[in-house]
């Protein structure tokens, strides 16, 4: 015969005990809702309802082993939340990439506009006037200011060219 021991709690409201005492007791608010005896008989408490007993049983199991007895809806929501987080990160990266492309496209458009405006100004008469000013220039800086204006170089580009010619370097 099996040795008698005290009942032990699995989780809060479900009690499991060795033979011949009741096998499982599901507690309610004030008294046991249902008790399962070794011979399989059920003893119902005064406040027993099938829904409440089932709710207490599953809630106790979820507290005892939350990963194994997680509600399917909760698991589905957590999975969906994780998927949404991954999607948000992906969208943020895509947004950064597109923002960079827009910035680059604006810069290309600006450069193209400057080039188009410079082409309009490049007439034979303008070229002759620029060559005349270059002949009169006394420094590399003055030469590259004229060339920069004619060819649409930035001040920085013209300065780099003038500095390299002054120092004897060629680009």
C-alpha atoms as a PDB file:
ATOM      1  CA  UNK A   1       0.000   0.000   0.000  1.00  0.00           C
ATOM      2  CA  UNK A   2       1.128   3.541  -0.748  1.00  0.00           C
ATOM      3  CA  UNK A   3       2.388   5.631   2.102  1.00  0.00           C
ATOM      4  CA  UNK A   4       0.119   8.470   3.282  1.00  0.00           C
ATOM      5  CA  UNK A   5       1.593  11.965   2.865  1.00  0.00           C
ATOM      6  CA  UNK A   6       0.252  15.482   3.042  1.00  0.00           C
ATOM      7  CA  UNK A   7      -1.323  16.992  -0.085  1.00  0.00           C
ATOM      8  CA  UNK A   8       0.952  19.333  -1.992  1.00  0.00           C
ATOM      9  CA  UNK A   9       0.078  22.366  -4.095  1.00  0.00           C
ATOM     10  CA  UNK A  10       0.920  22.321  -7.776  1.00  0.00           C
ATOM     11  CA  UNK A  11      -0.081  25.930  -8.370  1.00  0.00           C
ATOM     12  CA  UNK A  12      -2.234  28.187  -6.200  1.00  0.00           C
ATOM     13  CA  UNK A  13      -5.698  26.736  -6.533  1.00  0.00           C
ATOM     14  CA  UNK A  14      -5.127  23.108  -7.594  1.00  0.00           C
ATOM     15  CA  UNK A  15      -4.160  20.474  -5.029  1.00  0.00           C
ATOM     16  CA  UNK A  16      -2.738  17.054  -5.857  1.00  0.00           C
ATOM     17  CA  UNK A  17      -2.383  14.376  -3.229  1.00  0.00           C
ATOM     18  CA  UNK A  18      -1.277  10.742  -3.123  1.00  0.00           C
ATOM     19  CA  UNK A  19      -3.744   7.838  -2.717  1.00  0.00           C
ATOM     20  CA  UNK A  20      -6.309   7.277  -1.125  1.00  0.00           C
ATOM     21  CA  UNK A  21      -7.066  10.929  -0.484  1.00  0.00           C
ATOM     22  CA  UNK A  22      -8.566  13.014  -3.286  1.00  0.00           C
ATOM     23  CA  UNK A  23      -6.261  13.204  -6.286  1.00  0.00           C
ATOM     24  CA  UNK A  24      -7.060  16.776  -7.381  1.00  0.00           C
ATOM     25  CA  UNK A  25      -8.917  19.616  -5.718  1.00  0.00           C
ATOM     26  CA  UNK A  26      -9.700  22.816  -7.581  1.00  0.00           C
ATOM     27  CA  UNK A  27     -10.324  25.651  -5.141  1.00  0.00           C
ATOM     28  CA  UNK A  28     -12.823  28.425  -5.704  1.00  0.00           C
ATOM     29  CA  UNK A  29     -13.169  31.757  -3.897  1.00  0.00           C
ATOM     30  CA  UNK A  30     -14.460  30.321  -0.612  1.00  0.00           C
ATOM     31  CA  UNK A  31     -14.471  26.513  -0.961  1.00  0.00           C
ATOM     32  CA  UNK A  32     -13.387  23.743  -3.331  1.00  0.00           C
ATOM     33  CA  UNK A  33     -15.173  23.882  -6.684  1.00  0.00           C
ATOM     34  CA  UNK A  34     -14.524  20.267  -7.593  1.00  0.00           C
ATOM     35  CA  UNK A  35     -12.585  17.345  -6.136  1.00  0.00           C
ATOM     36  CA  UNK A  36     -11.470  14.319  -8.129  1.00  0.00           C
ATOM     37  CA  UNK A  37     -11.182  11.100  -6.046  1.00  0.00           C
ATOM     38  CA  UNK A  38      -8.912   8.095  -6.785  1.00  0.00           C
ATOM     39  CA  UNK A  39     -11.833   6.031  -8.040  1.00  0.00           C
ATOM     40  CA  UNK A  40     -12.678   8.726 -10.607  1.00  0.00           C
ATOM     41  CA  UNK A  41     -15.715  10.155  -8.864  1.00  0.00           C
ATOM     42  CA  UNK A  42     -16.189  13.894  -8.832  1.00  0.00           C
ATOM     43  CA  UNK A  43     -17.360  15.865  -5.840  1.00  0.00           C
ATOM     44  CA  UNK A  44     -18.787  19.273  -6.693  1.00  0.00           C
ATOM     45  CA  UNK A  45     -18.712  22.238  -4.328  1.00  0.00           C
ATOM     46  CA  UNK A  46     -21.582  24.659  -3.721  1.00  0.00           C
ATOM     47  CA  UNK A  47     -20.154  27.336  -6.087  1.00  0.00           C
ATOM     48  CA  UNK A  48     -19.303  24.846  -8.836  1.00  0.00           C
ATOM     49  CA  UNK A  49     -19.771  25.802 -12.476  1.00  0.00           C
ATOM     50  CA  UNK A  50     -17.921  23.973 -15.247  1.00  0.00           C
ATOM     51  CA  UNK A  51     -16.610  27.231 -16.681  1.00  0.00           C
ATOM     52  CA  UNK A  52     -15.253  28.502 -13.360  1.00  0.00           C
ATOM     53  CA  UNK A  53     -13.619  25.146 -12.527  1.00  0.00           C
ATOM     54  CA  UNK A  54     -11.981  24.983 -15.956  1.00  0.00           C
ATOM     55  CA  UNK A  55     -10.840  28.618 -15.668  1.00  0.00           C
ATOM     56  CA  UNK A  56      -9.295  28.004 -12.223  1.00  0.00           C
ATOM     57  CA  UNK A  57      -7.598  24.816 -13.443  1.00  0.00           C
ATOM     58  CA  UNK A  58      -6.022  26.391 -16.556  1.00  0.00           C
ATOM     59  CA  UNK A  59      -5.087  29.605 -14.751  1.00  0.00           C
ATOM     60  CA  UNK A  60      -3.280  27.522 -12.119  1.00  0.00           C
ATOM     61  CA  UNK A  61      -1.427  25.538 -14.777  1.00  0.00           C
ATOM     62  CA  UNK A  62      -0.456  28.743 -16.575  1.00  0.00           C
ATOM     63  CA  UNK A  63       0.983  30.135 -13.335  1.00  0.00           C
ATOM     64  CA  UNK A  64       2.825  26.879 -12.713  1.00  0.00           C
ATOM     65  CA  UNK A  65       4.228  26.402 -16.238  1.00  0.00           C
ATOM     66  CA  UNK A  66       3.529  29.570 -18.231  1.00  0.00           C
ATOM     67  CA  UNK A  67       5.414  28.543 -21.379  1.00  0.00           C
ATOM     68  CA  UNK A  68       3.717  25.154 -21.707  1.00  0.00           C
ATOM     69  CA  UNK A  69       0.174  26.320 -20.962  1.00  0.00           C
ATOM     70  CA  UNK A  70       0.099  29.744 -22.565  1.00  0.00           C
ATOM     71  CA  UNK A  71      -3.217  30.732 -24.055  1.00  0.00           C
ATOM     72  CA  UNK A  72      -3.125  30.355 -27.851  1.00  0.00           C
ATOM     73  CA  UNK A  73      -4.491  33.872 -28.334  1.00  0.00           C
ATOM     74  CA  UNK A  74      -1.779  35.339 -26.100  1.00  0.00           C
ATOM     75  CA  UNK A  75       0.890  33.391 -27.975  1.00  0.00           C
ATOM     76  CA  UNK A  76      -0.535  34.551 -31.295  1.00  0.00           C
ATOM     77  CA  UNK A  77      -0.552  38.171 -30.098  1.00  0.00           C
ATOM     78  CA  UNK A  78       3.025  37.927 -28.861  1.00  0.00           C
ATOM     79  CA  UNK A  79       4.096  36.392 -32.165  1.00  0.00           C
ATOM     80  CA  UNK A  80       2.292  39.156 -34.056  1.00  0.00           C
ATOM     81  CA  UNK A  81       3.907  41.799 -31.819  1.00  0.00           C
ATOM     82  CA  UNK A  82       7.360  40.365 -32.536  1.00  0.00           C
ATOM     83  CA  UNK A  83       6.606  40.260 -36.263  1.00  0.00           C
ATOM     84  CA  UNK A  84       5.409  43.883 -36.125  1.00  0.00           C
ATOM     85  CA  UNK A  85       8.611  44.940 -34.351  1.00  0.00           C
ATOM     86  CA  UNK A  86      10.752  43.252 -37.009  1.00  0.00           C
ATOM     87  CA  UNK A  87       8.652  44.894 -39.734  1.00  0.00           C
ATOM     88  CA  UNK A  88       9.030  48.320 -38.057  1.00  0.00           C
ATOM     89  CA  UNK A  89      12.823  47.952 -38.002  1.00  0.00           C
ATOM     90  CA  UNK A  90      12.758  46.921 -41.652  1.00  0.00           C
ATOM     91  CA  UNK A  91      10.605  49.926 -42.562  1.00  0.00           C
ATOM     92  CA  UNK A  92      12.897  52.291 -40.649  1.00  0.00           C
ATOM     93  CA  UNK A  93      15.891  50.966 -42.583  1.00  0.00           C
ATOM     94  CA  UNK A  94      14.022  51.301 -45.868  1.00  0.00           C
ATOM     95  CA  UNK A  95      12.984  54.845 -44.944  1.00  0.00           C
ATOM     96  CA  UNK A  96      16.631  55.772 -44.228  1.00  0.00           C
ATOM     97  CA  UNK A  97      17.721  54.271 -47.546  1.00  0.00           C
ATOM     98  CA  UNK A  98      15.020  56.138 -49.476  1.00  0.00           C
ATOM     99  CA  UNK A  99      15.808  59.395 -47.659  1.00  0.00           C
ATOM    100  CA  UNK A 100      19.446  59.028 -48.693  1.00  0.00           C
ATOM    101  CA  UNK A 101      18.409  58.360 -52.294  1.00  0.00           C
ATOM    102  CA  UNK A 102      16.193  61.465 -52.298  1.00  0.00           C
ATOM    103  CA  UNK A 103      19.069  63.556 -50.935  1.00  0.00           C
ATOM    104  CA  UNK A 104      21.394  62.211 -53.642  1.00  0.00           C
ATOM    105  CA  UNK A 105      18.787  62.815 -56.355  1.00  0.00           C
ATOM    106  CA  UNK A 106      18.341  66.428 -55.211  1.00  0.00           C
ATOM    107  CA  UNK A 107      22.096  66.955 -55.333  1.00  0.00           C
ATOM    108  CA  UNK A 108      22.282  65.454 -58.848  1.00  0.00           C
ATOM    109  CA  UNK A 109      19.425  67.712 -59.954  1.00  0.00           C
ATOM    110  CA  UNK A 110      21.208  70.757 -58.532  1.00  0.00           C
ATOM    111  CA  UNK A 111      24.448  69.846 -60.313  1.00  0.00           C
ATOM    112  CA  UNK A 112      22.568  69.243 -63.570  1.00  0.00           C
ATOM    113  CA  UNK A 113      20.825  72.614 -63.242  1.00  0.00           C
ATOM    114  CA  UNK A 114      24.154  74.397 -62.684  1.00  0.00           C
ATOM    115  CA  UNK A 115      25.662  72.600 -65.676  1.00  0.00           C
ATOM    116  CA  UNK A 116      22.693  73.535 -67.864  1.00  0.00           C
ATOM    117  CA  UNK A 117      22.939  77.183 -66.822  1.00  0.00           C
ATOM    118  CA  UNK A 118      26.684  77.170 -67.504  1.00  0.00           C
ATOM    119  CA  UNK A 119      26.127  75.726 -70.978  1.00  0.00           C
ATOM    120  CA  UNK A 120      23.744  78.582 -71.766  1.00  0.00           C
ATOM    121  CA  UNK A 121      26.436  81.107 -70.859  1.00  0.00           C
ATOM    122  CA  UNK A 122      29.182  79.442 -72.911  1.00  0.00           C
ATOM    123  CA  UNK A 123      29.034  81.374 -76.169  1.00  0.00           C
ATOM    124  CA  UNK A 124      32.019  82.206 -78.383  1.00  0.00           C
ATOM    125  CA  UNK A 125      31.860  85.827 -77.208  1.00  0.00           C
ATOM    126  CA  UNK A 126      31.865  84.749 -73.528  1.00  0.00           C
ATOM    127  CA  UNK A 127      34.812  82.462 -74.195  1.00  0.00           C
ATOM    128  CA  UNK A 128      36.751  85.341 -75.830  1.00  0.00           C
ATOM    129  CA  UNK A 129      36.011  87.648 -72.872  1.00  0.00           C
ATOM    130  CA  UNK A 130      37.143  84.954 -70.393  1.00  0.00           C
ATOM    131  CA  UNK A 131      40.355  84.359 -72.350  1.00  0.00           C
ATOM    132  CA  UNK A 132      41.035  88.101 -72.314  1.00  0.00           C
ATOM    133  CA  UNK A 133      40.630  88.252 -68.512  1.00  0.00           C
ATOM    134  CA  UNK A 134      42.857  85.167 -68.119  1.00  0.00           C
ATOM    135  CA  UNK A 135      45.603  86.887 -70.191  1.00  0.00           C
ATOM    136  CA  UNK A 136      45.392  89.898 -67.891  1.00  0.00           C
ATOM    137  CA  UNK A 137      45.474  87.786 -64.698  1.00  0.00           C
ATOM    138  CA  UNK A 138      48.679  88.073 -62.645  1.00  0.00           C
ATOM    139  CA  UNK A 139      48.148  85.123 -60.214  1.00  0.00           C
ATOM    140  CA  UNK A 140      46.945  81.552 -60.410  1.00  0.00           C
ATOM    141  CA  UNK A 141      44.061  82.514 -58.144  1.00  0.00           C
ATOM    142  CA  UNK A 142      42.867  85.144 -60.631  1.00  0.00           C
ATOM    143  CA  UNK A 143      43.187  82.644 -63.512  1.00  0.00           C
ATOM    144  CA  UNK A 144      41.151  80.005 -61.700  1.00  0.00           C
ATOM    145  CA  UNK A 145      38.514  82.508 -60.605  1.00  0.00           C
ATOM    146  CA  UNK A 146      37.871  83.240 -64.286  1.00  0.00           C
ATOM    147  CA  UNK A 147      37.979  79.569 -65.314  1.00  0.00           C
ATOM    148  CA  UNK A 148      35.782  78.590 -62.397  1.00  0.00           C
ATOM    149  CA  UNK A 149      33.161  81.169 -63.332  1.00  0.00           C
ATOM    150  CA  UNK A 150      33.204  80.127 -66.965  1.00  0.00           C
ATOM    151  CA  UNK A 151      33.032  76.367 -66.320  1.00  0.00           C
ATOM    152  CA  UNK A 152      30.793  76.550 -63.261  1.00  0.00           C
ATOM    153  CA  UNK A 153      33.306  75.338 -60.687  1.00  0.00           C
ATOM    154  CA  UNK A 154      32.677  75.961 -57.022  1.00  0.00           C
ATOM    155  CA  UNK A 155      34.931  78.424 -55.225  1.00  0.00           C
ATOM    156  CA  UNK A 156      36.506  75.499 -53.402  1.00  0.00           C
ATOM    157  CA  UNK A 157      37.282  73.647 -56.640  1.00  0.00           C
ATOM    158  CA  UNK A 158      38.818  76.769 -58.216  1.00  0.00           C
ATOM    159  CA  UNK A 159      40.867  77.396 -55.053  1.00  0.00           C
ATOM    160  CA  UNK A 160      42.232  73.831 -55.048  1.00  0.00           C
ATOM    161  CA  UNK A 161      43.248  74.186 -58.703  1.00  0.00           C
ATOM    162  CA  UNK A 162      44.920  77.563 -58.096  1.00  0.00           C
ATOM    163  CA  UNK A 163      46.777  76.234 -55.036  1.00  0.00           C
ATOM    164  CA  UNK A 164      48.044  73.167 -56.929  1.00  0.00           C
ATOM    165  CA  UNK A 165      49.324  75.348 -59.820  1.00  0.00           C
ATOM    166  CA  UNK A 166      50.945  77.808 -57.437  1.00  0.00           C
ATOM    167  CA  UNK A 167      52.763  74.962 -55.645  1.00  0.00           C
ATOM    168  CA  UNK A 168      53.719  73.256 -58.906  1.00  0.00           C
ATOM    169  CA  UNK A 169      51.489  70.214 -58.339  1.00  0.00           C
ATOM    170  CA  UNK A 170      49.195  69.040 -61.059  1.00  0.00           C
ATOM    171  CA  UNK A 171      45.956  67.221 -60.485  1.00  0.00           C
END
